[in-house]
Amino acid sequence: MSATTTNDWQFLRGFLARPLAVASPVPSGRALARTIAAQIAPTPGGLVLELGPGTGAVTRAILEQGVARADLVAIESDPQFADLLREQFTGVAVIQGDAFDFARLLRARGTGEPLRSIVSGVPVLSQPVEIRHRLLRDAVAALRPGGPFIQFSYGMRPPIPPVDGIAVRRAAIVWRNLPPMHVWVYCAR
């Protein structure tokens, strides 16, 4: 069985065990992963944070986009997914914890510099709007000026309603992903 097939099975098991914490029964497709990674600020240097990487489909695309392993931090709540990520992506800092508490987790790790980009694959639609707004505000506060917070979702509307001082745009709809996925980019105005 190939690594991809094994990852797909692990992802499905994770979804069945915790459907509100794992957004989909299948990992992100390659076209979606590349589209998400293309939204990352092209300026080299600085940390990129990935929230909810699952089994690493988007992680792989971020690295292929040219982000150095040492510049990528991933926060994954599922312990088995976190272990899998550590095995597959040596040199990437993988933190097992709650993505909604990323600011505290990064401080505990000693990461205080503004982030280059944040990519979020966490299922935000299952959260109350107050928690989604807190995630968005924390993300924009943690970014360099103009740095993108990238959230992908099945929804036709932004999964996190914009708040004052933060703009949102749909960067893409990836029809080749099953199901089709919307890529949203939030930035401070």
N, C-alpha and C. Protein backbone atom coordinates (compact mmCIF):
# COMPACT_ATOMS: atom_id res chain seq x y z
N MET A 1 0.85 -1.17 0.00
CA MET A 1 0.00 0.00 0.00
C MET A 1 0.90 1.24 0.00
N SER A 2 0.62 2.22 -0.85
CA SER A 2 1.44 3.41 -0.95
C SER A 2 1.23 4.32 0.26
N ALA A 3 2.17 5.28 0.46
CA ALA A 3 2.05 6.23 1.57
C ALA A 3 0.79 7.07 1.42
N THR A 4 0.44 7.43 0.18
CA THR A 4 -0.76 8.24 -0.05
C THR A 4 -2.01 7.46 0.36
N THR A 5 -2.10 6.19 -0.03
CA THR A 5 -3.25 5.37 0.33
C THR A 5 -3.33 5.21 1.85
N THR A 6 -2.20 4.97 2.50
CA THR A 6 -2.16 4.85 3.95
C THR A 6 -2.64 6.14 4.60
N ASN A 7 -2.18 7.29 4.10
CA ASN A 7 -2.61 8.58 4.64
C ASN A 7 -4.10 8.79 4.46
N ASP A 8 -4.63 8.38 3.29
CA ASP A 8 -6.06 8.52 3.04
C ASP A 8 -6.87 7.72 4.06
N TRP A 9 -6.43 6.49 4.35
CA TRP A 9 -7.13 5.66 5.32
C TRP A 9 -7.04 6.26 6.71
N GLN A 10 -5.87 6.77 7.07
CA GLN A 10 -5.72 7.40 8.39
C GLN A 10 -6.63 8.61 8.49
N PHE A 11 -6.72 9.38 7.42
CA PHE A 11 -7.56 10.56 7.41
C PHE A 11 -9.03 10.16 7.58
N LEU A 12 -9.48 9.16 6.85
CA LEU A 12 -10.86 8.70 6.97
C LEU A 12 -11.16 8.21 8.38
N ARG A 13 -10.23 7.45 8.97
CA ARG A 13 -10.42 6.99 10.35
C ARG A 13 -10.52 8.17 11.31
N GLY A 14 -9.67 9.20 11.09
CA GLY A 14 -9.73 10.39 11.93
C GLY A 14 -11.06 11.11 11.80
N PHE A 15 -11.56 11.20 10.57
CA PHE A 15 -12.85 11.85 10.32
C PHE A 15 -13.98 11.09 11.02
N LEU A 16 -13.98 9.77 10.88
CA LEU A 16 -15.04 8.97 11.50
C LEU A 16 -14.99 9.05 13.03
N ALA A 17 -13.80 9.13 13.58
CA ALA A 17 -13.67 9.20 15.04
C ALA A 17 -14.04 10.58 15.57
N ARG A 18 -13.73 11.65 14.81
CA ARG A 18 -13.96 13.01 15.29
C ARG A 18 -14.41 13.90 14.14
N PRO A 19 -15.65 13.75 13.67
CA PRO A 19 -16.10 14.49 12.48
C PRO A 19 -16.12 16.00 12.65
N LEU A 20 -16.27 16.51 13.85
CA LEU A 20 -16.26 17.97 14.03
C LEU A 20 -14.85 18.54 14.07
N ALA A 21 -13.87 17.69 14.32
CA ALA A 21 -12.48 18.15 14.38
C ALA A 21 -11.74 17.93 13.07
N VAL A 22 -12.21 16.99 12.26
CA VAL A 22 -11.61 16.70 10.95
C VAL A 22 -12.66 17.11 9.93
N ALA A 23 -12.32 18.06 9.08
CA ALA A 23 -13.31 18.73 8.23
C ALA A 23 -13.88 17.88 7.11
N SER A 24 -13.20 16.82 6.72
CA SER A 24 -13.60 16.09 5.52
C SER A 24 -13.24 14.62 5.68
N PRO A 25 -13.94 13.73 4.99
CA PRO A 25 -13.55 12.32 5.05
C PRO A 25 -12.31 11.99 4.23
N VAL A 26 -11.87 12.92 3.38
CA VAL A 26 -10.68 12.70 2.55
C VAL A 26 -9.74 13.90 2.68
N PRO A 27 -8.43 13.68 2.57
CA PRO A 27 -7.50 14.81 2.63
C PRO A 27 -7.65 15.72 1.42
N SER A 28 -7.11 16.90 1.53
CA SER A 28 -7.15 17.86 0.43
C SER A 28 -6.50 17.26 -0.82
N GLY A 29 -7.13 17.51 -1.96
CA GLY A 29 -6.57 17.04 -3.22
C GLY A 29 -5.37 17.88 -3.62
N ARG A 30 -4.60 17.35 -4.56
CA ARG A 30 -3.37 18.02 -4.99
C ARG A 30 -3.63 19.40 -5.59
N ALA A 31 -4.69 19.54 -6.39
CA ALA A 31 -5.00 20.84 -7.00
C ALA A 31 -5.35 21.86 -5.92
N LEU A 32 -6.12 21.44 -4.92
CA LEU A 32 -6.46 22.34 -3.82
C LEU A 32 -5.21 22.71 -3.04
N ALA A 33 -4.40 21.73 -2.71
CA ALA A 33 -3.19 21.99 -1.93
C ALA A 33 -2.28 22.99 -2.64
N ARG A 34 -2.11 22.84 -3.93
CA ARG A 34 -1.26 23.78 -4.70
C ARG A 34 -1.88 25.17 -4.75
N THR A 35 -3.19 25.25 -4.88
CA THR A 35 -3.87 26.54 -4.91
C THR A 35 -3.72 27.26 -3.57
N ILE A 36 -3.84 26.53 -2.49
CA ILE A 36 -3.66 27.11 -1.15
C ILE A 36 -2.22 27.60 -1.00
N ALA A 37 -1.26 26.76 -1.32
CA ALA A 37 0.15 27.13 -1.17
C ALA A 37 0.52 28.34 -2.01
N ALA A 38 -0.13 28.51 -3.15
CA ALA A 38 0.17 29.65 -4.02
C ALA A 38 -0.24 30.98 -3.38
N GLN A 39 -1.06 30.96 -2.34
CA GLN A 39 -1.50 32.18 -1.66
C GLN A 39 -0.48 32.68 -0.64
N ILE A 40 0.52 31.87 -0.33
CA ILE A 40 1.51 32.23 0.69
C ILE A 40 2.36 33.37 0.19
N ALA A 41 2.61 34.32 1.07
CA ALA A 41 3.43 35.48 0.73
C ALA A 41 4.74 35.00 0.11
N PRO A 42 5.09 35.50 -1.08
CA PRO A 42 6.26 34.98 -1.78
C PRO A 42 7.60 35.43 -1.19
N THR A 43 7.60 36.46 -0.36
CA THR A 43 8.84 36.94 0.23
C THR A 43 9.45 35.85 1.10
N PRO A 44 10.68 35.43 0.81
CA PRO A 44 11.27 34.36 1.61
C PRO A 44 11.59 34.83 3.03
N GLY A 45 11.76 33.86 3.90
CA GLY A 45 12.07 34.16 5.29
C GLY A 45 10.81 34.38 6.09
N GLY A 46 10.90 34.16 7.38
CA GLY A 46 9.75 34.29 8.25
C GLY A 46 8.98 32.99 8.31
N LEU A 47 8.30 32.79 9.41
CA LEU A 47 7.58 31.54 9.62
C LEU A 47 6.23 31.52 8.93
N VAL A 48 5.90 30.34 8.43
CA VAL A 48 4.57 30.05 7.90
C VAL A 48 3.94 29.08 8.89
N LEU A 49 2.72 29.37 9.30
CA LEU A 49 2.01 28.53 10.26
C LEU A 49 0.89 27.80 9.54
N GLU A 50 0.83 26.48 9.72
CA GLU A 50 -0.27 25.69 9.17
C GLU A 50 -1.09 25.15 10.32
N LEU A 51 -2.38 25.48 10.32
CA LEU A 51 -3.30 25.02 11.36
C LEU A 51 -4.13 23.87 10.80
N GLY A 52 -4.12 22.75 11.50
CA GLY A 52 -4.91 21.60 11.06
C GLY A 52 -4.39 20.94 9.81
N PRO A 53 -3.11 20.54 9.77
CA PRO A 53 -2.56 19.95 8.55
C PRO A 53 -3.03 18.54 8.25
N GLY A 54 -3.70 17.88 9.18
CA GLY A 54 -4.17 16.51 8.91
C GLY A 54 -3.02 15.58 8.61
N THR A 55 -3.06 14.95 7.45
CA THR A 55 -2.00 14.00 7.08
C THR A 55 -0.95 14.63 6.17
N GLY A 56 -1.04 15.94 5.92
CA GLY A 56 0.05 16.64 5.26
C GLY A 56 -0.08 16.95 3.78
N ALA A 57 -1.25 16.85 3.20
CA ALA A 57 -1.40 17.15 1.77
C ALA A 57 -1.02 18.60 1.46
N VAL A 58 -1.52 19.53 2.28
CA VAL A 58 -1.20 20.94 2.07
C VAL A 58 0.23 21.23 2.53
N THR A 59 0.67 20.57 3.58
CA THR A 59 2.05 20.72 4.07
C THR A 59 3.04 20.46 2.93
N ARG A 60 2.81 19.38 2.22
CA ARG A 60 3.69 19.00 1.09
C ARG A 60 3.70 20.11 0.03
N ALA A 61 2.52 20.65 -0.28
CA ALA A 61 2.44 21.71 -1.30
C ALA A 61 3.12 22.99 -0.82
N ILE A 62 3.03 23.28 0.46
CA ILE A 62 3.70 24.47 1.01
C ILE A 62 5.21 24.32 0.83
N LEU A 63 5.73 23.15 1.12
CA LEU A 63 7.17 22.92 0.95
C LEU A 63 7.56 22.97 -0.52
N GLU A 64 6.72 22.42 -1.39
CA GLU A 64 7.00 22.46 -2.83
C GLU A 64 6.95 23.90 -3.35
N GLN A 65 6.20 24.76 -2.68
CA GLN A 65 6.11 26.18 -3.06
C GLN A 65 7.42 26.91 -2.76
N GLY A 66 8.28 26.28 -1.97
CA GLY A 66 9.58 26.87 -1.68
C GLY A 66 9.78 27.31 -0.25
N VAL A 67 8.80 27.07 0.62
CA VAL A 67 8.96 27.40 2.04
C VAL A 67 9.94 26.39 2.64
N ALA A 68 10.95 26.90 3.31
CA ALA A 68 11.94 26.02 3.94
C ALA A 68 11.31 25.25 5.09
N ARG A 69 11.73 24.01 5.27
CA ARG A 69 11.19 23.19 6.36
C ARG A 69 11.34 23.89 7.71
N ALA A 70 12.47 24.54 7.91
CA ALA A 70 12.72 25.23 9.18
C ALA A 70 11.79 26.44 9.37
N ASP A 71 11.16 26.90 8.30
CA ASP A 71 10.26 28.05 8.37
C ASP A 71 8.79 27.64 8.47
N LEU A 72 8.52 26.35 8.59
CA LEU A 72 7.14 25.88 8.65
C LEU A 72 6.85 25.29 10.03
N VAL A 73 5.77 25.77 10.63
CA VAL A 73 5.27 25.26 11.91
C VAL A 73 3.85 24.75 11.66
N ALA A 74 3.57 23.53 12.11
CA ALA A 74 2.24 22.93 11.93
C ALA A 74 1.66 22.61 13.29
N ILE A 75 0.40 22.98 13.49
CA ILE A 75 -0.30 22.65 14.73
C ILE A 75 -1.45 21.72 14.39
N GLU A 76 -1.39 20.52 14.94
CA GLU A 76 -2.38 19.47 14.66
C GLU A 76 -2.91 18.92 15.97
N SER A 77 -4.23 18.82 16.10
CA SER A 77 -4.84 18.34 17.34
C SER A 77 -4.81 16.82 17.48
N ASP A 78 -4.87 16.10 16.39
CA ASP A 78 -4.93 14.64 16.44
C ASP A 78 -3.52 14.08 16.67
N PRO A 79 -3.30 13.36 17.77
CA PRO A 79 -1.95 12.85 18.07
C PRO A 79 -1.39 11.92 16.99
N GLN A 80 -2.25 11.09 16.37
CA GLN A 80 -1.76 10.19 15.32
C GLN A 80 -1.35 10.97 14.08
N PHE A 81 -2.13 11.98 13.71
CA PHE A 81 -1.76 12.82 12.58
C PHE A 81 -0.46 13.55 12.88
N ALA A 82 -0.32 14.06 14.11
CA ALA A 82 0.91 14.79 14.48
C ALA A 82 2.13 13.88 14.36
N ASP A 83 2.01 12.63 14.83
CA ASP A 83 3.12 11.68 14.71
C ASP A 83 3.45 11.41 13.24
N LEU A 84 2.41 11.22 12.42
CA LEU A 84 2.61 10.98 10.99
C LEU A 84 3.33 12.16 10.34
N LEU A 85 2.93 13.38 10.68
CA LEU A 85 3.58 14.57 10.13
C LEU A 85 5.04 14.64 10.52
N ARG A 86 5.35 14.33 11.78
CA ARG A 86 6.75 14.35 12.23
C ARG A 86 7.59 13.34 11.45
N GLU A 87 7.00 12.17 11.16
CA GLU A 87 7.72 11.14 10.39
C GLU A 87 7.96 11.58 8.95
N GLN A 88 6.93 12.16 8.32
CA GLN A 88 7.01 12.50 6.90
C GLN A 88 7.76 13.79 6.62
N PHE A 89 7.75 14.73 7.56
CA PHE A 89 8.29 16.06 7.28
C PHE A 89 9.32 16.45 8.34
N THR A 90 10.41 15.70 8.37
CA THR A 90 11.47 16.02 9.32
C THR A 90 11.95 17.45 9.04
N GLY A 91 12.22 18.16 10.10
CA GLY A 91 12.65 19.56 9.98
C GLY A 91 11.51 20.55 10.11
N VAL A 92 10.27 20.08 9.95
CA VAL A 92 9.09 20.93 10.16
C VAL A 92 8.73 20.81 11.64
N ALA A 93 8.50 21.94 12.30
CA ALA A 93 8.08 21.92 13.70
C ALA A 93 6.61 21.54 13.77
N VAL A 94 6.32 20.39 14.35
CA VAL A 94 4.94 19.92 14.49
C VAL A 94 4.58 19.98 15.97
N ILE A 95 3.54 20.74 16.26
CA ILE A 95 3.05 20.90 17.63
C ILE A 95 1.71 20.20 17.71
N GLN A 96 1.56 19.30 18.68
CA GLN A 96 0.27 18.65 18.87
C GLN A 96 -0.52 19.51 19.85
N GLY A 97 -1.62 20.10 19.36
CA GLY A 97 -2.42 20.97 20.22
C GLY A 97 -3.60 21.55 19.46
N ASP A 98 -4.31 22.43 20.12
CA ASP A 98 -5.53 23.04 19.59
C ASP A 98 -5.17 24.24 18.71
N ALA A 99 -5.51 24.17 17.44
CA ALA A 99 -5.19 25.25 16.50
C ALA A 99 -5.84 26.57 16.91
N PHE A 100 -6.98 26.52 17.58
CA PHE A 100 -7.65 27.74 18.01
C PHE A 100 -6.87 28.44 19.12
N ASP A 101 -5.90 27.74 19.71
CA ASP A 101 -5.06 28.29 20.77
C ASP A 101 -3.62 28.49 20.26
N PHE A 102 -3.49 28.73 18.95
CA PHE A 102 -2.16 28.77 18.33
C PHE A 102 -1.26 29.85 18.92
N ALA A 103 -1.81 31.01 19.29
CA ALA A 103 -0.97 32.11 19.79
C ALA A 103 -0.24 31.68 21.07
N ARG A 104 -0.95 31.04 21.98
CA ARG A 104 -0.33 30.58 23.22
C ARG A 104 0.68 29.48 22.93
N LEU A 105 0.34 28.56 22.02
CA LEU A 105 1.26 27.47 21.68
C LEU A 105 2.56 28.00 21.07
N LEU A 106 2.44 29.01 20.23
CA LEU A 106 3.65 29.60 19.63
C LEU A 106 4.49 30.33 20.68
N ARG A 107 3.82 31.07 21.58
CA ARG A 107 4.57 31.75 22.66
C ARG A 107 5.31 30.74 23.52
N ALA A 108 4.64 29.61 23.85
CA ALA A 108 5.28 28.57 24.66
C ALA A 108 6.50 27.98 23.96
N ARG A 109 6.47 27.99 22.64
CA ARG A 109 7.59 27.48 21.84
C ARG A 109 8.69 28.52 21.68
N GLY A 110 8.39 29.77 22.06
CA GLY A 110 9.37 30.84 21.93
C GLY A 110 9.32 31.56 20.61
N THR A 111 8.21 31.40 19.89
CA THR A 111 8.05 32.05 18.60
C THR A 111 7.26 33.33 18.81
N GLY A 112 7.95 34.46 18.72
CA GLY A 112 7.28 35.73 18.96
C GLY A 112 7.28 36.66 17.76
N GLU A 113 8.05 36.30 16.74
CA GLU A 113 8.15 37.17 15.56
C GLU A 113 6.87 37.12 14.74
N PRO A 114 6.56 38.20 14.02
CA PRO A 114 5.38 38.16 13.16
C PRO A 114 5.52 37.07 12.09
N LEU A 115 4.41 36.43 11.80
CA LEU A 115 4.40 35.32 10.83
C LEU A 115 4.27 35.84 9.41
N ARG A 116 4.82 35.10 8.49
CA ARG A 116 4.75 35.42 7.06
C ARG A 116 3.35 35.15 6.51
N SER A 117 2.79 33.98 6.85
CA SER A 117 1.47 33.56 6.39
C SER A 117 0.92 32.54 7.37
N ILE A 118 -0.40 32.43 7.39
CA ILE A 118 -1.07 31.37 8.15
C ILE A 118 -2.03 30.67 7.20
N VAL A 119 -1.94 29.35 7.17
CA VAL A 119 -2.84 28.52 6.37
C VAL A 119 -3.69 27.71 7.35
N SER A 120 -5.00 27.79 7.22
CA SER A 120 -5.88 27.08 8.14
C SER A 120 -6.78 26.09 7.41
N GLY A 121 -6.67 24.84 7.83
CA GLY A 121 -7.55 23.81 7.33
C GLY A 121 -8.49 23.31 8.42
N VAL A 122 -8.56 24.05 9.54
CA VAL A 122 -9.44 23.61 10.62
C VAL A 122 -10.90 23.85 10.24
N PRO A 123 -11.78 22.97 10.67
CA PRO A 123 -13.20 23.11 10.32
C PRO A 123 -13.87 24.20 11.15
N VAL A 124 -13.78 25.42 10.68
CA VAL A 124 -14.30 26.55 11.45
C VAL A 124 -15.82 26.64 11.46
N LEU A 125 -16.48 26.11 10.44
CA LEU A 125 -17.94 26.25 10.37
C LEU A 125 -18.66 25.54 11.52
N SER A 126 -18.01 24.59 12.16
CA SER A 126 -18.61 23.90 13.30
C SER A 126 -18.46 24.69 14.60
N GLN A 127 -17.76 25.82 14.54
CA GLN A 127 -17.51 26.65 15.72
C GLN A 127 -18.47 27.83 15.78
N PRO A 128 -18.79 28.30 17.00
CA PRO A 128 -19.60 29.52 17.10
C PRO A 128 -18.85 30.71 16.48
N VAL A 129 -19.60 31.68 15.99
CA VAL A 129 -19.00 32.82 15.29
C VAL A 129 -18.01 33.57 16.19
N GLU A 130 -18.25 33.62 17.51
CA GLU A 130 -17.31 34.32 18.41
C GLU A 130 -15.94 33.66 18.39
N ILE A 131 -15.91 32.34 18.35
CA ILE A 131 -14.62 31.62 18.31
C ILE A 131 -13.95 31.83 16.96
N ARG A 132 -14.73 31.83 15.89
CA ARG A 132 -14.16 32.09 14.56
C ARG A 132 -13.58 33.50 14.49
N HIS A 133 -14.30 34.47 15.04
CA HIS A 133 -13.79 35.85 15.04
C HIS A 133 -12.51 35.97 15.86
N ARG A 134 -12.47 35.28 17.00
CA ARG A 134 -11.24 35.32 17.81
C ARG A 134 -10.07 34.73 17.03
N LEU A 135 -10.30 33.61 16.34
CA LEU A 135 -9.25 33.00 15.52
C LEU A 135 -8.76 34.00 14.46
N LEU A 136 -9.69 34.64 13.79
CA LEU A 136 -9.33 35.60 12.74
C LEU A 136 -8.54 36.78 13.31
N ARG A 137 -9.00 37.35 14.40
CA ARG A 137 -8.28 38.48 15.01
C ARG A 137 -6.89 38.06 15.48
N ASP A 138 -6.80 36.90 16.14
CA ASP A 138 -5.50 36.41 16.60
C ASP A 138 -4.57 36.18 15.41
N ALA A 139 -5.12 35.64 14.33
CA ALA A 139 -4.30 35.36 13.15
C ALA A 139 -3.76 36.65 12.54
N VAL A 140 -4.62 37.62 12.33
CA VAL A 140 -4.18 38.88 11.71
C VAL A 140 -3.18 39.60 12.62
N ALA A 141 -3.39 39.53 13.93
CA ALA A 141 -2.45 40.16 14.88
C ALA A 141 -1.09 39.48 14.85
N ALA A 142 -1.05 38.19 14.52
CA ALA A 142 0.21 37.44 14.52
C ALA A 142 1.00 37.59 13.22
N LEU A 143 0.35 38.15 12.19
CA LEU A 143 0.98 38.24 10.86
C LEU A 143 1.77 39.52 10.67
N ARG A 144 2.76 39.44 9.77
CA ARG A 144 3.42 40.66 9.29
C ARG A 144 2.37 41.54 8.62
N PRO A 145 2.59 42.84 8.54
CA PRO A 145 1.64 43.69 7.81
C PRO A 145 1.43 43.16 6.39
N GLY A 146 0.18 42.97 6.02
CA GLY A 146 -0.16 42.48 4.69
C GLY A 146 -0.10 40.98 4.53
N GLY A 147 0.37 40.27 5.57
CA GLY A 147 0.46 38.81 5.49
C GLY A 147 -0.92 38.18 5.42
N PRO A 148 -1.08 37.12 4.63
CA PRO A 148 -2.40 36.51 4.47
C PRO A 148 -2.71 35.44 5.51
N PHE A 149 -3.97 35.42 5.91
CA PHE A 149 -4.55 34.31 6.66
C PHE A 149 -5.42 33.58 5.64
N ILE A 150 -5.07 32.34 5.33
CA ILE A 150 -5.72 31.57 4.27
C ILE A 150 -6.58 30.48 4.91
N GLN A 151 -7.86 30.50 4.61
CA GLN A 151 -8.79 29.50 5.16
C GLN A 151 -9.50 28.85 3.99
N PHE A 152 -9.56 27.53 3.97
CA PHE A 152 -10.33 26.89 2.91
C PHE A 152 -11.55 26.22 3.52
N SER A 153 -12.62 26.21 2.70
CA SER A 153 -13.92 25.77 3.21
C SER A 153 -14.81 25.35 2.04
N TYR A 154 -15.81 24.54 2.34
CA TYR A 154 -16.79 24.15 1.33
C TYR A 154 -17.78 25.27 1.04
N GLY A 155 -17.95 26.18 1.97
CA GLY A 155 -19.00 27.19 1.88
C GLY A 155 -18.81 28.20 0.78
N MET A 156 -19.94 28.68 0.26
CA MET A 156 -19.94 29.71 -0.79
C MET A 156 -19.68 31.09 -0.21
N ARG A 157 -19.82 31.22 1.10
CA ARG A 157 -19.56 32.49 1.78
C ARG A 157 -18.31 32.34 2.64
N PRO A 158 -17.68 33.46 2.98
CA PRO A 158 -16.49 33.35 3.84
C PRO A 158 -16.83 32.59 5.12
N PRO A 159 -16.05 31.59 5.48
CA PRO A 159 -16.34 30.77 6.65
C PRO A 159 -16.21 31.54 7.96
N ILE A 160 -15.42 32.61 7.93
CA ILE A 160 -15.32 33.51 9.08
C ILE A 160 -15.81 34.86 8.58
N PRO A 161 -16.96 35.31 9.08
CA PRO A 161 -17.44 36.62 8.63
C PRO A 161 -16.40 37.69 8.94
N PRO A 162 -16.11 38.58 7.99
CA PRO A 162 -15.08 39.59 8.22
C PRO A 162 -15.48 40.53 9.35
N VAL A 163 -14.48 41.07 10.01
CA VAL A 163 -14.67 42.04 11.08
C VAL A 163 -14.01 43.35 10.68
N ASP A 164 -14.29 44.41 11.42
CA ASP A 164 -13.70 45.72 11.11
C ASP A 164 -12.19 45.62 11.00
N GLY A 165 -11.66 46.23 9.97
CA GLY A 165 -10.22 46.30 9.77
C GLY A 165 -9.62 45.09 9.06
N ILE A 166 -10.45 44.11 8.71
CA ILE A 166 -9.96 42.91 8.05
C ILE A 166 -10.77 42.68 6.78
N ALA A 167 -10.07 42.57 5.67
CA ALA A 167 -10.72 42.33 4.37
C ALA A 167 -10.64 40.84 4.04
N VAL A 168 -11.59 40.38 3.26
CA VAL A 168 -11.59 38.98 2.81
C VAL A 168 -11.91 38.95 1.32
N ARG A 169 -11.25 38.00 0.64
CA ARG A 169 -11.55 37.79 -0.77
C ARG A 169 -11.47 36.28 -1.05
N ARG A 170 -12.29 35.86 -2.00
CA ARG A 170 -12.20 34.47 -2.45
C ARG A 170 -11.06 34.43 -3.46
N ALA A 171 -10.03 33.69 -3.14
CA ALA A 171 -8.87 33.60 -4.03
C ALA A 171 -9.12 32.59 -5.14
N ALA A 172 -9.92 31.57 -4.86
CA ALA A 172 -10.15 30.53 -5.86
C ALA A 172 -11.29 29.62 -5.43
N ILE A 173 -11.86 28.97 -6.42
CA ILE A 173 -12.73 27.81 -6.20
C ILE A 173 -12.03 26.66 -6.93
N VAL A 174 -11.76 25.62 -6.20
CA VAL A 174 -11.05 24.48 -6.78
C VAL A 174 -12.10 23.41 -7.09
N TRP A 175 -12.54 23.39 -8.33
CA TRP A 175 -13.59 22.46 -8.77
C TRP A 175 -13.09 21.03 -8.84
N ARG A 176 -11.78 20.85 -9.06
CA ARG A 176 -11.24 19.49 -9.19
C ARG A 176 -11.11 18.78 -7.85
N ASN A 177 -11.28 19.52 -6.76
CA ASN A 177 -11.27 18.88 -5.44
C ASN A 177 -12.64 18.24 -5.21
N LEU A 178 -12.67 17.11 -4.55
CA LEU A 178 -13.94 16.47 -4.21
C LEU A 178 -14.16 16.53 -2.71
N PRO A 179 -15.14 17.24 -2.25
CA PRO A 179 -16.02 18.15 -2.99
C PRO A 179 -15.27 19.44 -3.32
N PRO A 180 -15.82 20.26 -4.24
CA PRO A 180 -15.17 21.54 -4.58
C PRO A 180 -14.95 22.39 -3.33
N MET A 181 -13.85 23.12 -3.33
CA MET A 181 -13.45 23.88 -2.16
C MET A 181 -13.18 25.33 -2.53
N HIS A 182 -13.51 26.23 -1.61
CA HIS A 182 -13.27 27.66 -1.76
C HIS A 182 -12.04 28.03 -0.93
N VAL A 183 -11.17 28.83 -1.50
CA VAL A 183 -9.98 29.30 -0.79
C VAL A 183 -10.19 30.78 -0.51
N TRP A 184 -10.21 31.13 0.77
CA TRP A 184 -10.45 32.50 1.22
C TRP A 184 -9.18 33.09 1.79
N VAL A 185 -8.91 34.36 1.48
CA VAL A 185 -7.73 35.04 2.00
C VAL A 185 -8.18 36.28 2.76
N TYR A 186 -7.75 36.36 4.00
CA TYR A 186 -8.05 37.50 4.88
C TYR A 186 -6.75 38.29 5.10
N CYS A 187 -6.87 39.61 5.11
CA CYS A 187 -5.71 40.48 5.36
C CYS A 187 -6.20 41.71 6.12
N ALA A 188 -5.30 42.28 6.92
CA ALA A 188 -5.62 43.55 7.58
C ALA A 188 -5.72 44.62 6.51
N ARG A 189 -6.65 45.54 6.71
CA ARG A 189 -6.81 46.66 5.75
C ARG A 189 -5.79 47.73 6.04
